[in-house]
Amino acid sequence: MSPVEGASPRRKPSRAPRTPMPERDPVARAQDFSEVSLGYSEEQARAEADRCLQCAKPTCIDGCPVNIDIKSFIGRIIEGEYAQGVAVIKERNALPAVCGRVCPQEEQCEASCVLARKGEPVAIGRLERFLGDLDLACDLEERCRPAVGEDSGFRVAVVGSGPAGLACAGELRRYGHAVTVFESLHAPGGVLSYGIPEFRLPKSIVASEIEMLTVMGVTIQTDAVIGATYTLDELLTEQGFDAVFIGNGAGLPLFLGIPGENLNGVYSANEFLTRVNLMRAYEFPRADTPVWRGRKVAVVGGGNVAMDAARTAKRLGAEEVFLVYRRTEAEMPARREEVHHAREEGIEFMMLCSPQEIVGHDGWVTGMVATRMELGEPDESGRRAPVCVVGSEFTIDCDTVIVALGTRANPLLAKATPDLELTRRGYIVADEDGATSKPGVFAGGDIVTGSATVILAMGAGKRAARAIDRWLRDRE
């Protein structure tokens, strides 16, 4: 990652169009779990970076939930100073190779790019991935390692090893605190490991990013369910932790509430993707996994998780995959990039359709009855509300139904902590810094806000880490 020999001095920004991301052929990639996007070459990254205006007041930074110094890291790419570029990112984000792949930059930093006002913004996410991948390609000893503060003598427990927990843990180590992360499943990473498919975020990338946190001194304990293995009170007393951060996400699935959801062949997207990811169904037959491989699969939903489930079902051998959504494609919350990839891979979109019943035979799914919809007046979300078209029922022939309607908070931890204040929907009540009603206990990410993005959860984890540090120092 040393600077390129003969790197040219700064010139006027390029007026070239946005550099496309190299991708695998749709027909070939829909048959395996290898990554879809191939990443920029050095030449492509330099060309894209040269489009950056290097603004005196870079608005893109304000669009980043963790306030990465975007101008500076792109400037380092322009100059060929890649190691310095990685260091700039890691001052704010310990997982650049992850975030460069899965963050919705088009709604955040890129949306705030000056070039977006009259054309295409700089591909900030792709450039972040470029640097993140260069860092991971190095031997562990040569990778960029964030500095760890002098030992403070304090111990902090982090519940959950997803984006919020990992970000909080990394930041706490920078302050010099001893950190133990408790993960309920047998592999760390949270949603990064079990929720996002291999073809979007390879498990090796997640493992390598987490490895750097362990090098920094973060301890990770798997198969530890907080609320069962230990309660919060036990962590703070018997286990001797001085503070706790809760970042265990909101992984309890929502269902349709229609007849037939108890039939064999009906999955929540959470269960389906978890089985595939943590049990390595994508390596079948080398790794045999108890997951039903449907021939005709209907996926209900319009978000990124629905796209992930549909594209995963296709890769597991489904002949037909239908994406059933009650609004139009324009209202789908999924990233445009994921919608585009799903269409390329042969996913059939059934818009303005709402499931009414799942039907079956001998306990197994044989179809789903749906109703045609039309859009009415906007609802509370600002989107036009779908209205049933009377007498428009029809049946979708399928042997598998995957419900991807979102998630809610798992009540296990809260039930074991009666003095922890919750919202009426079961989420933890926390202030802007993550402080909860229980002294010494902080929370952030989906368990506070409900389902959100990876980078927003990371931002919450970092804010909470700063607040935990202040709280510990004030006690001292």
Protein backbone atom coordinates (compact mmCIF):
# COMPACT_ATOMS: atom_id res chain seq x y z
CA MET A 1 0.00 0.00 0.00
CA SER A 2 2.91 2.31 -0.49
CA PRO A 3 2.43 5.43 -2.63
CA VAL A 4 2.59 4.88 -6.37
CA GLU A 5 5.97 5.87 -7.78
CA GLY A 6 5.76 9.01 -9.81
CA ALA A 7 2.31 9.97 -8.50
CA SER A 8 1.32 13.17 -10.22
CA PRO A 9 0.64 16.37 -8.25
CA ARG A 10 -2.89 17.62 -7.75
CA ARG A 11 -4.56 18.74 -10.96
CA LYS A 12 -7.96 20.13 -11.82
CA PRO A 13 -10.78 17.68 -11.05
CA SER A 14 -11.70 15.32 -13.85
CA ARG A 15 -14.97 15.92 -15.68
CA ALA A 16 -15.22 12.26 -16.63
CA PRO A 17 -18.46 10.37 -15.84
CA ARG A 18 -18.71 8.27 -12.69
CA THR A 19 -16.57 5.14 -12.93
CA PRO A 20 -18.76 2.00 -13.18
CA MET A 21 -18.28 -0.80 -10.68
CA PRO A 22 -17.06 -4.02 -12.36
CA GLU A 23 -19.56 -6.83 -11.80
CA ARG A 24 -19.85 -10.51 -12.60
CA ASP A 25 -22.17 -11.72 -15.36
CA PRO A 26 -25.76 -12.04 -14.00
CA VAL A 27 -26.37 -15.54 -15.38
CA ALA A 28 -23.14 -16.92 -13.92
CA ARG A 29 -23.36 -15.17 -10.54
CA ALA A 30 -26.99 -16.29 -9.91
CA GLN A 31 -25.70 -19.87 -9.72
CA ASP A 32 -23.20 -19.39 -6.90
CA PHE A 33 -22.50 -17.27 -3.83
CA SER A 34 -19.33 -15.54 -4.99
CA GLU A 35 -19.35 -11.77 -4.66
CA VAL A 36 -21.30 -9.85 -7.31
CA SER A 37 -19.30 -6.61 -7.36
CA LEU A 38 -15.59 -7.01 -8.07
CA GLY A 39 -14.28 -3.73 -6.71
CA TYR A 40 -12.22 -1.00 -8.36
CA SER A 41 -8.78 -1.60 -9.76
CA GLU A 42 -6.11 0.94 -8.80
CA GLU A 43 -6.57 2.69 -12.14
CA GLN A 44 -10.34 2.90 -11.71
CA ALA A 45 -10.03 4.14 -8.13
CA ARG A 46 -7.58 6.87 -9.16
CA ALA A 47 -9.88 7.91 -12.02
CA GLU A 48 -12.91 8.11 -9.74
CA ALA A 49 -11.03 9.90 -6.97
CA ASP A 50 -9.86 12.50 -9.48
CA ARG A 51 -13.52 13.52 -9.98
CA CYS A 52 -13.56 14.83 -6.39
CA LEU A 53 -13.56 18.63 -6.17
CA GLN A 54 -11.72 18.58 -2.82
CA CYS A 55 -14.18 21.21 -1.59
CA ALA A 56 -13.07 23.81 0.92
CA LYS A 57 -16.19 22.90 2.94
CA PRO A 58 -16.87 19.21 2.15
CA THR A 59 -20.59 18.65 2.71
CA CYS A 60 -20.15 14.90 2.15
CA ILE A 61 -18.68 14.57 5.66
CA ASP A 62 -21.92 15.87 7.18
CA GLY A 63 -23.79 13.15 5.32
CA CYS A 64 -21.73 10.38 6.95
CA PRO A 65 -23.21 9.08 10.24
CA VAL A 66 -19.69 8.58 11.67
CA ASN A 67 -18.23 11.74 10.06
CA ILE A 68 -15.37 10.12 8.16
CA ASP A 69 -13.00 12.74 6.72
CA ILE A 70 -14.01 11.84 3.17
CA LYS A 71 -12.18 14.70 1.52
CA SER A 72 -8.90 13.61 3.09
CA PHE A 73 -9.09 9.91 2.30
CA ILE A 74 -10.02 10.62 -1.31
CA GLY A 75 -7.18 13.12 -1.45
CA ARG A 76 -4.81 10.37 -0.36
CA ILE A 77 -6.06 8.17 -3.22
CA ILE A 78 -5.47 11.04 -5.66
CA GLU A 79 -1.88 11.21 -4.46
CA GLY A 80 -1.44 7.43 -4.40
CA GLU A 81 -0.96 7.47 -0.62
CA TYR A 82 -3.17 4.49 0.11
CA ALA A 83 -1.91 3.56 3.56
CA GLN A 84 -2.53 7.11 4.72
CA GLY A 85 -6.01 6.96 3.21
CA VAL A 86 -6.83 3.83 5.22
CA ALA A 87 -5.57 5.52 8.37
CA VAL A 88 -7.87 8.50 7.75
CA ILE A 89 -10.91 6.23 7.45
CA LYS A 90 -10.02 4.15 10.51
CA GLU A 91 -9.92 7.25 12.65
CA ARG A 92 -13.72 7.12 12.39
CA ASN A 93 -14.65 3.69 11.02
CA ALA A 94 -13.01 0.40 12.00
CA LEU A 95 -14.84 -1.57 9.27
CA PRO A 96 -14.14 0.17 5.93
CA ALA A 97 -14.27 -2.99 3.77
CA VAL A 98 -17.67 -3.82 5.27
CA CYS A 99 -19.18 -0.34 5.05
CA GLY A 100 -17.83 0.17 1.54
CA ARG A 101 -20.01 -2.77 0.50
CA VAL A 102 -23.26 -2.47 2.42
CA CYS A 103 -23.80 1.16 3.47
CA PRO A 104 -26.43 3.13 1.54
CA GLN A 105 -23.99 5.87 0.52
CA GLU A 106 -26.43 7.08 -2.12
CA GLU A 107 -28.70 8.27 0.71
CA GLN A 108 -25.95 9.61 2.96
CA CYS A 109 -22.49 10.89 2.03
CA GLU A 110 -22.98 10.69 -1.74
CA ALA A 111 -26.33 12.45 -1.50
CA SER A 112 -24.47 15.35 0.15
CA CYS A 113 -21.72 15.45 -2.49
CA VAL A 114 -21.61 18.78 -4.36
CA LEU A 115 -21.47 16.95 -7.70
CA ALA A 116 -24.85 15.33 -6.93
CA ARG A 117 -26.57 18.69 -7.39
CA LYS A 118 -26.16 18.61 -11.15
CA GLY A 119 -25.02 15.08 -11.92
CA GLU A 120 -23.46 11.96 -10.46
CA PRO A 121 -21.71 12.18 -7.09
CA VAL A 122 -18.25 10.80 -6.42
CA ALA A 123 -18.50 7.04 -5.71
CA ILE A 124 -17.44 7.45 -2.09
CA GLY A 125 -18.51 3.99 -0.99
CA ARG A 126 -16.60 2.28 -3.79
CA LEU A 127 -13.47 4.23 -2.93
CA GLU A 128 -13.85 3.31 0.75
CA ARG A 129 -14.11 -0.34 -0.27
CA PHE A 130 -11.01 0.03 -2.44
CA LEU A 131 -8.93 1.20 0.51
CA GLY A 132 -10.53 -1.29 2.90
CA ASP A 133 -9.71 -4.18 0.58
CA LEU A 134 -6.12 -2.99 0.16
CA ASP A 135 -5.78 -2.99 3.93
CA LEU A 136 -7.19 -6.52 4.24
CA ALA A 137 -4.84 -7.76 1.51
CA CYS A 138 -1.86 -6.97 3.74
CA ASP A 139 -0.42 -9.33 6.34
CA LEU A 140 -1.99 -8.72 9.74
CA GLU A 141 1.18 -7.11 11.10
CA GLU A 142 1.24 -4.62 8.21
CA ARG A 143 -2.41 -3.60 8.34
CA CYS A 144 -3.52 -0.24 9.70
CA ARG A 145 -4.07 -0.71 13.43
CA PRO A 146 -5.88 2.05 15.36
CA ALA A 147 -3.95 3.20 18.41
CA VAL A 148 -5.06 1.82 21.78
CA GLY A 149 -5.09 4.10 24.80
CA GLU A 150 -3.26 3.53 28.05
CA ASP A 151 -4.95 0.98 30.30
CA SER A 152 -7.70 2.76 32.23
CA GLY A 153 -8.43 -0.04 34.69
CA PHE A 154 -12.10 -0.11 33.69
CA ARG A 155 -13.93 -3.11 32.18
CA VAL A 156 -16.89 -2.75 29.82
CA ALA A 157 -19.23 -5.48 28.59
CA VAL A 158 -20.71 -5.14 25.11
CA VAL A 159 -23.85 -7.15 24.37
CA GLY A 160 -23.98 -8.14 20.71
CA SER A 161 -21.24 -8.31 18.07
CA GLY A 162 -23.13 -6.59 15.27
CA PRO A 163 -22.22 -3.16 13.84
CA ALA A 164 -23.20 -1.18 16.96
CA GLY A 165 -21.37 -3.52 19.33
CA LEU A 166 -18.22 -3.76 17.23
CA ALA A 167 -18.02 0.00 16.73
CA CYS A 168 -18.54 0.60 20.45
CA ALA A 169 -15.94 -2.03 21.39
CA GLY A 170 -13.31 -0.60 19.05
CA GLU A 171 -13.85 2.93 20.31
CA LEU A 172 -13.70 1.84 23.95
CA ARG A 173 -10.33 0.17 23.32
CA ARG A 174 -9.03 3.42 21.87
CA TYR A 175 -9.89 4.97 25.23
CA GLY A 176 -7.91 2.25 27.01
CA HIS A 177 -10.80 0.29 28.53
CA ALA A 178 -10.85 -3.52 28.69
CA VAL A 179 -13.73 -4.79 26.54
CA THR A 180 -15.52 -8.13 26.33
CA VAL A 181 -18.13 -8.62 23.62
CA PHE A 182 -20.87 -11.20 24.29
CA GLU A 183 -22.42 -12.82 21.21
CA SER A 184 -25.39 -15.17 21.49
CA LEU A 185 -24.58 -17.18 18.35
CA HIS A 186 -21.52 -19.30 17.63
CA ALA A 187 -19.88 -16.80 15.28
CA PRO A 188 -19.29 -13.06 15.83
CA GLY A 189 -20.52 -10.37 13.48
CA GLY A 190 -24.23 -10.22 14.23
CA VAL A 191 -26.23 -9.18 11.19
CA LEU A 192 -22.98 -8.82 9.23
CA SER A 193 -22.46 -12.57 9.55
CA TYR A 194 -25.95 -14.05 9.63
CA GLY A 195 -28.12 -11.45 7.90
CA ILE A 196 -26.21 -10.35 4.80
CA PRO A 197 -25.55 -12.98 2.10
CA GLU A 198 -22.09 -14.07 1.03
CA PHE A 199 -22.52 -12.59 -2.46
CA ARG A 200 -22.95 -9.12 -0.96
CA LEU A 201 -20.61 -9.35 2.02
CA PRO A 202 -18.18 -12.30 2.13
CA LYS A 203 -17.78 -13.84 5.58
CA SER A 204 -13.99 -13.66 5.18
CA ILE A 205 -14.24 -9.85 5.00
CA VAL A 206 -16.25 -9.71 8.24
CA ALA A 207 -13.87 -12.12 9.97
CA SER A 208 -10.81 -10.12 8.91
CA GLU A 209 -12.28 -6.83 10.11
CA ILE A 210 -13.20 -8.41 13.47
CA GLU A 211 -9.72 -9.95 13.71
CA MET A 212 -8.22 -6.47 13.85
CA LEU A 213 -10.46 -5.64 16.83
CA THR A 214 -9.13 -8.71 18.66
CA VAL A 215 -5.59 -7.61 17.84
CA MET A 216 -6.49 -4.30 19.49
CA GLY A 217 -7.37 -6.30 22.61
CA VAL A 218 -11.16 -6.79 22.32
CA THR A 219 -12.26 -10.15 23.79
CA ILE A 220 -15.20 -11.88 22.10
CA GLN A 221 -17.22 -14.55 23.90
CA THR A 222 -19.65 -16.47 21.70
CA ASP A 223 -22.61 -18.68 22.73
CA ALA A 224 -23.40 -16.22 25.51
CA VAL A 225 -27.04 -15.12 25.70
CA ILE A 226 -27.37 -12.06 27.90
CA GLY A 227 -30.66 -12.44 29.74
CA ALA A 228 -30.04 -16.19 30.09
CA THR A 229 -26.33 -16.98 30.37
CA TYR A 230 -25.87 -13.78 32.38
CA THR A 231 -28.25 -11.01 33.35
CA LEU A 232 -27.21 -7.37 33.15
CA ASP A 233 -27.05 -7.24 36.94
CA GLU A 234 -24.74 -10.26 36.99
CA LEU A 235 -22.42 -8.57 34.47
CA LEU A 236 -22.26 -5.48 36.69
CA THR A 237 -21.77 -7.36 39.96
CA GLU A 238 -20.58 -10.97 39.79
CA GLN A 239 -18.62 -10.52 36.53
CA GLY A 240 -17.10 -7.24 37.64
CA PHE A 241 -17.85 -5.00 34.65
CA ASP A 242 -18.01 -1.26 35.29
CA ALA A 243 -20.44 -0.49 32.46
CA VAL A 244 -22.48 -2.31 29.79
CA PHE A 245 -23.38 -1.39 26.24
CA ILE A 246 -26.41 -3.15 24.71
CA GLY A 247 -26.21 -3.48 20.94
CA ASN A 248 -27.98 -6.78 20.39
CA GLY A 249 -30.16 -5.51 17.54
CA ALA A 250 -33.80 -6.22 16.90
CA GLY A 251 -33.88 -9.71 15.46
CA LEU A 252 -37.36 -10.97 16.28
CA PRO A 253 -39.20 -11.37 12.94
CA LEU A 254 -42.57 -9.92 12.02
CA PHE A 255 -45.13 -12.09 10.22
CA LEU A 256 -48.15 -11.43 8.04
CA GLY A 257 -50.79 -12.67 10.47
CA ILE A 258 -52.70 -14.52 7.73
CA PRO A 259 -53.99 -18.13 7.58
CA GLY A 260 -51.45 -20.75 6.59
CA GLU A 261 -48.30 -19.21 8.08
CA ASN A 262 -47.78 -22.37 10.16
CA LEU A 263 -47.37 -24.57 7.05
CA ASN A 264 -44.06 -26.26 6.29
CA GLY A 265 -42.17 -24.19 3.74
CA VAL A 266 -42.93 -20.82 5.39
CA TYR A 267 -39.90 -18.96 6.71
CA SER A 268 -39.15 -15.61 8.18
CA ALA A 269 -36.33 -14.01 6.22
CA ASN A 270 -34.35 -13.94 9.49
CA GLU A 271 -34.48 -17.71 9.90
CA PHE A 272 -33.90 -18.38 6.22
CA LEU A 273 -30.83 -16.13 5.92
CA THR A 274 -29.44 -17.23 9.30
CA ARG A 275 -29.61 -20.90 8.32
CA VAL A 276 -27.97 -20.18 5.00
CA ASN A 277 -25.25 -17.91 6.38
CA LEU A 278 -24.23 -19.37 9.74
CA MET A 279 -24.68 -22.98 8.63
CA ARG A 280 -22.92 -22.32 5.30
CA ALA A 281 -25.64 -23.53 2.95
CA TYR A 282 -23.84 -21.57 0.26
CA GLU A 283 -21.11 -24.25 0.42
CA PHE A 284 -23.53 -27.14 -0.26
CA PRO A 285 -22.82 -30.05 -0.65
CA ARG A 286 -19.53 -29.52 1.24
CA ALA A 287 -21.58 -28.10 4.14
CA ASP A 288 -24.96 -29.81 4.44
CA THR A 289 -27.51 -27.43 5.91
CA PRO A 290 -31.11 -28.04 7.11
CA VAL A 291 -32.71 -25.45 4.86
CA TRP A 292 -35.61 -26.16 2.51
CA ARG A 293 -34.62 -25.56 -1.11
CA GLY A 294 -37.82 -24.52 -2.82
CA ARG A 295 -38.57 -24.90 -6.51
CA LYS A 296 -40.97 -21.94 -6.66
CA VAL A 297 -40.36 -19.32 -3.98
CA ALA A 298 -42.46 -16.27 -3.06
CA VAL A 299 -40.71 -13.58 -1.02
CA VAL A 300 -42.97 -11.01 0.65
CA GLY A 301 -41.46 -7.55 1.17
CA GLY A 302 -39.65 -4.74 -0.60
CA GLY A 303 -36.56 -3.96 1.47
CA ASN A 304 -32.94 -5.04 1.30
CA VAL A 305 -33.67 -8.16 3.36
CA ALA A 306 -36.35 -9.20 0.86
CA MET A 307 -33.84 -8.74 -1.98
CA ASP A 308 -31.28 -10.78 -0.07
CA ALA A 309 -33.76 -13.59 0.56
CA ALA A 310 -34.97 -13.68 -3.05
CA ARG A 311 -31.47 -13.72 -4.52
CA THR A 312 -30.37 -16.35 -2.00
CA ALA A 313 -33.30 -18.60 -2.90
CA LYS A 314 -32.31 -18.28 -6.56
CA ARG A 315 -28.76 -19.35 -5.77
CA LEU A 316 -30.02 -22.35 -3.80
CA GLY A 317 -31.61 -23.68 -6.96
CA ALA A 318 -35.11 -22.20 -7.16
CA GLU A 319 -36.49 -22.29 -10.71
CA GLU A 320 -38.73 -19.28 -10.10
CA VAL A 321 -38.57 -16.57 -7.42
CA PHE A 322 -41.36 -14.03 -7.05
CA LEU A 323 -40.96 -10.82 -5.07
CA VAL A 324 -44.42 -9.87 -3.78
CA TYR A 325 -44.81 -6.24 -2.70
CA ARG A 326 -47.95 -4.27 -1.98
CA ARG A 327 -46.70 -0.99 -3.43
CA THR A 328 -44.87 -0.13 -6.66
CA GLU A 329 -41.16 -0.42 -7.29
CA ALA A 330 -40.81 3.35 -6.81
CA GLU A 331 -41.88 2.96 -3.15
CA MET A 332 -39.58 0.03 -2.36
CA PRO A 333 -37.16 0.87 0.45
CA ALA A 334 -34.43 -1.43 -0.93
CA ARG A 335 -31.30 0.10 -2.42
CA ARG A 336 -31.62 0.76 -6.14
CA GLU A 337 -28.44 -1.23 -6.70
CA GLU A 338 -29.93 -4.32 -5.04
CA VAL A 339 -33.18 -4.00 -7.01
CA HIS A 340 -31.17 -3.73 -10.23
CA HIS A 341 -29.09 -6.80 -9.37
CA ALA A 342 -32.20 -8.81 -8.47
CA ARG A 343 -33.85 -8.03 -11.80
CA GLU A 344 -30.66 -8.94 -13.66
CA GLU A 345 -30.60 -12.30 -11.90
CA GLY A 346 -34.12 -13.22 -12.93
CA ILE A 347 -36.18 -12.36 -9.86
CA GLU A 348 -39.78 -11.74 -10.97
CA PHE A 349 -41.32 -8.61 -9.41
CA MET A 350 -45.03 -8.80 -8.56
CA MET A 351 -45.89 -5.25 -7.58
CA LEU A 352 -49.15 -4.01 -6.07
CA CYS A 353 -49.95 -7.43 -4.61
CA SER A 354 -50.85 -8.21 -1.00
CA PRO A 355 -50.88 -11.77 0.44
CA GLN A 356 -54.18 -12.87 1.97
CA GLU A 357 -53.64 -16.55 2.71
CA ILE A 358 -51.03 -19.27 2.33
CA VAL A 359 -52.56 -22.54 1.15
CA GLY A 360 -51.16 -26.04 1.30
CA HIS A 361 -51.62 -29.80 1.13
CA ASP A 362 -50.60 -32.39 3.75
CA GLY A 363 -49.00 -29.63 5.81
CA TRP A 364 -46.82 -28.22 3.01
CA VAL A 365 -47.14 -24.95 1.09
CA THR A 366 -48.68 -25.22 -2.38
CA GLY A 367 -49.50 -21.57 -3.07
CA MET A 368 -50.30 -18.11 -1.82
CA VAL A 369 -53.55 -16.25 -2.39
CA ALA A 370 -52.95 -12.55 -3.07
CA THR A 371 -55.04 -9.49 -3.87
CA ARG A 372 -54.26 -6.77 -6.39
CA MET A 373 -53.69 -3.34 -4.89
CA GLU A 374 -53.78 0.26 -6.01
CA LEU A 375 -52.20 3.29 -4.39
CA GLY A 376 -54.38 5.70 -2.46
CA GLU A 377 -53.53 8.74 -0.33
CA PRO A 378 -50.15 9.02 1.47
CA ASP A 379 -49.92 7.32 4.88
CA GLU A 380 -47.89 8.29 7.98
CA SER A 381 -44.62 7.36 6.25
CA GLY A 382 -45.35 9.78 3.41
CA ARG A 383 -45.80 6.96 0.93
CA ARG A 384 -49.12 6.39 -0.84
CA ALA A 385 -51.09 3.76 1.06
CA PRO A 386 -52.05 0.57 -0.84
CA VAL A 387 -55.77 -0.17 -1.16
CA CYS A 388 -57.25 -3.58 -2.09
CA VAL A 389 -58.94 -3.94 -5.47
CA VAL A 390 -62.22 -5.75 -4.75
CA GLY A 391 -62.58 -9.12 -6.46
CA SER A 392 -58.99 -9.25 -7.70
CA GLU A 393 -57.81 -12.32 -5.76
CA PHE A 394 -55.47 -14.73 -7.52
CA THR A 395 -53.15 -17.58 -6.49
CA ILE A 396 -49.38 -17.66 -6.84
CA ASP A 397 -48.14 -21.22 -7.36
CA CYS A 398 -45.24 -21.75 -4.93
CA ASP A 399 -43.82 -24.30 -2.50
CA THR A 400 -41.95 -21.82 -0.29
CA VAL A 401 -42.90 -18.47 1.24
CA ILE A 402 -40.31 -16.20 2.84
CA VAL A 403 -41.69 -13.29 4.89
CA ALA A 404 -39.40 -10.24 4.93
CA LEU A 405 -41.49 -7.58 6.66
CA GLY A 406 -38.99 -6.33 9.20
CA THR A 407 -38.14 -7.13 12.79
CA ARG A 408 -38.82 -6.12 16.36
CA ALA A 409 -36.98 -6.29 19.66
CA ASN A 410 -36.39 -9.66 21.29
CA PRO A 411 -37.85 -9.41 24.82
CA LEU A 412 -35.44 -11.90 26.47
CA LEU A 413 -32.95 -9.39 27.83
CA ALA A 414 -35.61 -6.87 28.84
CA LYS A 415 -37.63 -9.48 30.76
CA ALA A 416 -34.54 -10.27 32.80
CA THR A 417 -34.01 -6.55 33.53
CA PRO A 418 -37.26 -5.11 34.96
CA ASP A 419 -35.65 -1.74 35.81
CA LEU A 420 -34.73 -1.08 32.15
CA GLU A 421 -37.20 1.38 30.62
CA LEU A 422 -38.73 0.30 27.28
CA THR A 423 -40.95 1.90 24.65
CA ARG A 424 -44.42 0.46 24.05
CA ARG A 425 -42.92 -1.53 21.17
CA GLY A 426 -40.30 -3.10 23.38
CA TYR A 427 -37.27 -1.06 22.32
CA ILE A 428 -34.86 0.28 24.95
CA VAL A 429 -35.31 3.93 25.88
CA ALA A 430 -31.98 5.77 25.58
CA ASP A 431 -30.92 9.39 25.26
CA GLU A 432 -28.76 10.82 22.44
CA ASP A 433 -25.62 9.44 24.10
CA GLY A 434 -27.14 5.99 24.61
CA ALA A 435 -27.68 6.29 28.38
CA THR A 436 -30.59 4.16 29.61
CA SER A 437 -32.70 4.29 32.75
CA LYS A 438 -30.29 1.87 34.43
CA PRO A 439 -27.05 3.49 35.73
CA GLY A 440 -23.98 2.22 33.92
CA VAL A 441 -26.02 0.66 31.12
CA PHE A 442 -26.00 2.20 27.65
CA ALA A 443 -27.67 1.08 24.41
CA GLY A 444 -27.64 1.87 20.70
CA GLY A 445 -28.47 0.61 17.25
CA ASP A 446 -31.60 -1.30 16.25
CA ILE A 447 -32.49 -2.21 19.85
CA VAL A 448 -33.13 1.51 20.39
CA THR A 449 -34.24 2.80 16.98
CA GLY A 450 -35.71 -0.29 15.32
CA SER A 451 -34.29 -1.64 12.06
CA ALA A 452 -31.83 0.80 10.46
CA THR A 453 -28.57 0.70 8.51
CA VAL A 454 -25.17 -0.71 9.44
CA ILE A 455 -23.50 2.69 9.52
CA LEU A 456 -26.25 4.28 11.65
CA ALA A 457 -25.83 1.48 14.18
CA MET A 458 -22.07 2.04 14.14
CA GLY A 459 -22.59 5.74 14.73
CA ALA A 460 -24.77 4.95 17.75
CA GLY A 461 -22.11 2.58 19.09
CA LYS A 462 -19.38 5.20 18.79
CA ARG A 463 -21.48 7.90 20.49
CA ALA A 464 -22.26 5.52 23.34
CA ALA A 465 -18.56 4.64 23.71
CA ARG A 466 -17.71 8.33 24.17
CA ALA A 467 -20.50 8.65 26.74
CA ILE A 468 -19.36 5.51 28.57
CA ASP A 469 -15.81 6.88 28.73
CA ARG A 470 -17.05 10.16 30.21
CA TRP A 471 -19.26 8.32 32.70
CA LEU A 472 -16.40 6.10 33.85
CA ARG A 473 -13.95 9.01 34.16
CA ASP A 474 -16.49 11.07 36.09
CA ARG A 475 -16.97 8.21 38.56
CA GLU A 476 -13.22 7.98 39.00
